[in-house]
Amino acid sequence: MSIEKLTAIFRDVFEEPNLVLKPDMDAKAVRNWDSFNHINLMIAIEGEYNVVLLPAEVQRMRSVGDLVELLKGKGCEISW
């Protein structure tokens, strides 16, 4: 599966219809990515991918690339 599914989640949560995900993208690069929307993002990802993201795992993430690698480690098929 490609990155489109994850991109759709980001676009919905952050209300950015033209958002393009990049591996090095972080919260500073996305308008409206605050702590509240970060939680909304994690909940949306958990629901869509049927995974559980542990608090320690979420804290270690520094970029979208880290998130993709975490999801891959949980058996999700994502490719750039």
C-alpha atoms as a PDB file:
ATOM      1  CA  MET A   1       0.000   0.000   0.000  1.00  0.00           C
ATOM      2  CA  SER A   2       1.268   3.411  -0.790  1.00  0.00           C
ATOM      3  CA  ILE A   3       1.480   6.533   1.312  1.00  0.00           C
ATOM      4  CA  GLU A   4      -1.886   7.837   0.020  1.00  0.00           C
ATOM      5  CA  LYS A   5      -3.897   6.333   2.892  1.00  0.00           C
ATOM      6  CA  LEU A   6      -1.675   8.009   5.490  1.00  0.00           C
ATOM      7  CA  THR A   7      -1.696  11.239   3.483  1.00  0.00           C
ATOM      8  CA  ALA A   8      -5.510  11.244   3.528  1.00  0.00           C
ATOM      9  CA  ILE A   9      -5.477  10.939   7.318  1.00  0.00           C
ATOM     10  CA  PHE A  10      -3.048  13.849   7.657  1.00  0.00           C
ATOM     11  CA  ARG A  11      -5.067  15.988   5.250  1.00  0.00           C
ATOM     12  CA  ASP A  12      -8.265  15.300   7.173  1.00  0.00           C
ATOM     13  CA  VAL A  13      -6.857  15.885  10.669  1.00  0.00           C
ATOM     14  CA  PHE A  14      -4.965  19.045   9.757  1.00  0.00           C
ATOM     15  CA  GLU A  15      -7.547  20.310   7.253  1.00  0.00           C
ATOM     16  CA  GLU A  16      -4.839  20.689   4.606  1.00  0.00           C
ATOM     17  CA  PRO A  17      -6.229  19.266   1.334  1.00  0.00           C
ATOM     18  CA  ASN A  18      -2.957  19.724  -0.559  1.00  0.00           C
ATOM     19  CA  LEU A  19      -0.588  18.376   2.093  1.00  0.00           C
ATOM     20  CA  VAL A  20       2.179  16.180   0.677  1.00  0.00           C
ATOM     21  CA  LEU A  21       3.960  13.927   3.149  1.00  0.00           C
ATOM     22  CA  LYS A  22       7.747  13.649   3.107  1.00  0.00           C
ATOM     23  CA  PRO A  23       9.932  11.405   5.271  1.00  0.00           C
ATOM     24  CA  ASP A  24      11.650  14.327   7.012  1.00  0.00           C
ATOM     25  CA  MET A  25       8.421  16.282   7.668  1.00  0.00           C
ATOM     26  CA  ASP A  26       7.786  17.127  11.301  1.00  0.00           C
ATOM     27  CA  ALA A  27       5.195  19.041  13.327  1.00  0.00           C
ATOM     28  CA  LYS A  28       6.861  22.377  12.593  1.00  0.00           C
ATOM     29  CA  ALA A  29       6.228  21.888   8.883  1.00  0.00           C
ATOM     30  CA  VAL A  30       2.457  21.429   9.177  1.00  0.00           C
ATOM     31  CA  ARG A  31       0.039  24.203  10.019  1.00  0.00           C
ATOM     32  CA  ASN A  32      -2.268  23.247  12.912  1.00  0.00           C
ATOM     33  CA  TRP A  33      -0.019  20.409  14.136  1.00  0.00           C
ATOM     34  CA  ASP A  34      -0.337  21.125  17.826  1.00  0.00           C
ATOM     35  CA  SER A  35      -0.615  18.750  20.779  1.00  0.00           C
ATOM     36  CA  PHE A  36      -4.394  18.414  20.421  1.00  0.00           C
ATOM     37  CA  ASN A  37      -4.226  17.543  16.723  1.00  0.00           C
ATOM     38  CA  HIS A  38      -1.290  15.238  17.376  1.00  0.00           C
ATOM     39  CA  ILE A  39      -3.567  13.166  19.595  1.00  0.00           C
ATOM     40  CA  ASN A  40      -6.306  13.292  16.947  1.00  0.00           C
ATOM     41  CA  LEU A  41      -3.777  12.131  14.359  1.00  0.00           C
ATOM     42  CA  MET A  42      -2.619   9.174  16.447  1.00  0.00           C
ATOM     43  CA  ILE A  43      -6.224   8.116  17.152  1.00  0.00           C
ATOM     44  CA  ALA A  44      -7.120   8.355  13.464  1.00  0.00           C
ATOM     45  CA  ILE A  45      -4.049   6.315  12.487  1.00  0.00           C
ATOM     46  CA  GLU A  46      -4.802   3.660  15.101  1.00  0.00           C
ATOM     47  CA  GLY A  47      -8.342   3.327  13.803  1.00  0.00           C
ATOM     48  CA  GLU A  48      -7.471   3.265  10.124  1.00  0.00           C
ATOM     49  CA  TYR A  49      -4.548   0.868  10.421  1.00  0.00           C
ATOM     50  CA  ASN A  50      -6.009  -1.181  13.305  1.00  0.00           C
ATOM     51  CA  VAL A  51      -2.879  -0.783  15.439  1.00  0.00           C
ATOM     52  CA  VAL A  52      -2.097   0.426  18.939  1.00  0.00           C
ATOM     53  CA  LEU A  53       0.522   3.155  19.242  1.00  0.00           C
ATOM     54  CA  LEU A  54       2.086   3.104  22.681  1.00  0.00           C
ATOM     55  CA  PRO A  55       2.929   6.420  24.349  1.00  0.00           C
ATOM     56  CA  ALA A  56       6.656   5.571  24.392  1.00  0.00           C
ATOM     57  CA  GLU A  57       6.563   4.808  20.653  1.00  0.00           C
ATOM     58  CA  VAL A  58       4.794   8.076  19.883  1.00  0.00           C
ATOM     59  CA  GLN A  59       7.291  10.059  21.977  1.00  0.00           C
ATOM     60  CA  ARG A  60      10.232   8.623  20.021  1.00  0.00           C
ATOM     61  CA  MET A  61       8.828   9.737  16.664  1.00  0.00           C
ATOM     62  CA  ARG A  62      10.467  12.857  15.277  1.00  0.00           C
ATOM     63  CA  SER A  63       9.214  12.804  11.681  1.00  0.00           C
ATOM     64  CA  VAL A  64       6.667  11.322   9.318  1.00  0.00           C
ATOM     65  CA  GLY A  65       9.397   8.907   8.250  1.00  0.00           C
ATOM     66  CA  ASP A  66       9.648   7.662  11.842  1.00  0.00           C
ATOM     67  CA  LEU A  67       5.876   7.172  11.890  1.00  0.00           C
ATOM     68  CA  VAL A  68       5.988   5.182   8.655  1.00  0.00           C
ATOM     69  CA  GLU A  69       8.746   2.955  10.029  1.00  0.00           C
ATOM     70  CA  LEU A  70       6.779   2.413  13.246  1.00  0.00           C
ATOM     71  CA  LEU A  71       3.687   1.411  11.264  1.00  0.00           C
ATOM     72  CA  LYS A  72       5.752  -0.909   9.065  1.00  0.00           C
ATOM     73  CA  GLY A  73       7.096  -2.534  12.242  1.00  0.00           C
ATOM     74  CA  LYS A  74       3.507  -3.206  13.260  1.00  0.00           C
ATOM     75  CA  GLY A  75       2.817  -5.020   9.994  1.00  0.00           C
ATOM     76  CA  CYS A  76       1.334  -2.157   7.986  1.00  0.00           C
ATOM     77  CA  GLU A  77       2.269  -2.055   4.324  1.00  0.00           C
ATOM     78  CA  ILE A  78       3.292   1.480   3.430  1.00  0.00           C
ATOM     79  CA  SER A  79       5.620   2.638   0.694  1.00  0.00           C
ATOM     80  CA  TRP A  80       6.677   6.037  -0.518  1.00  0.00           C
END
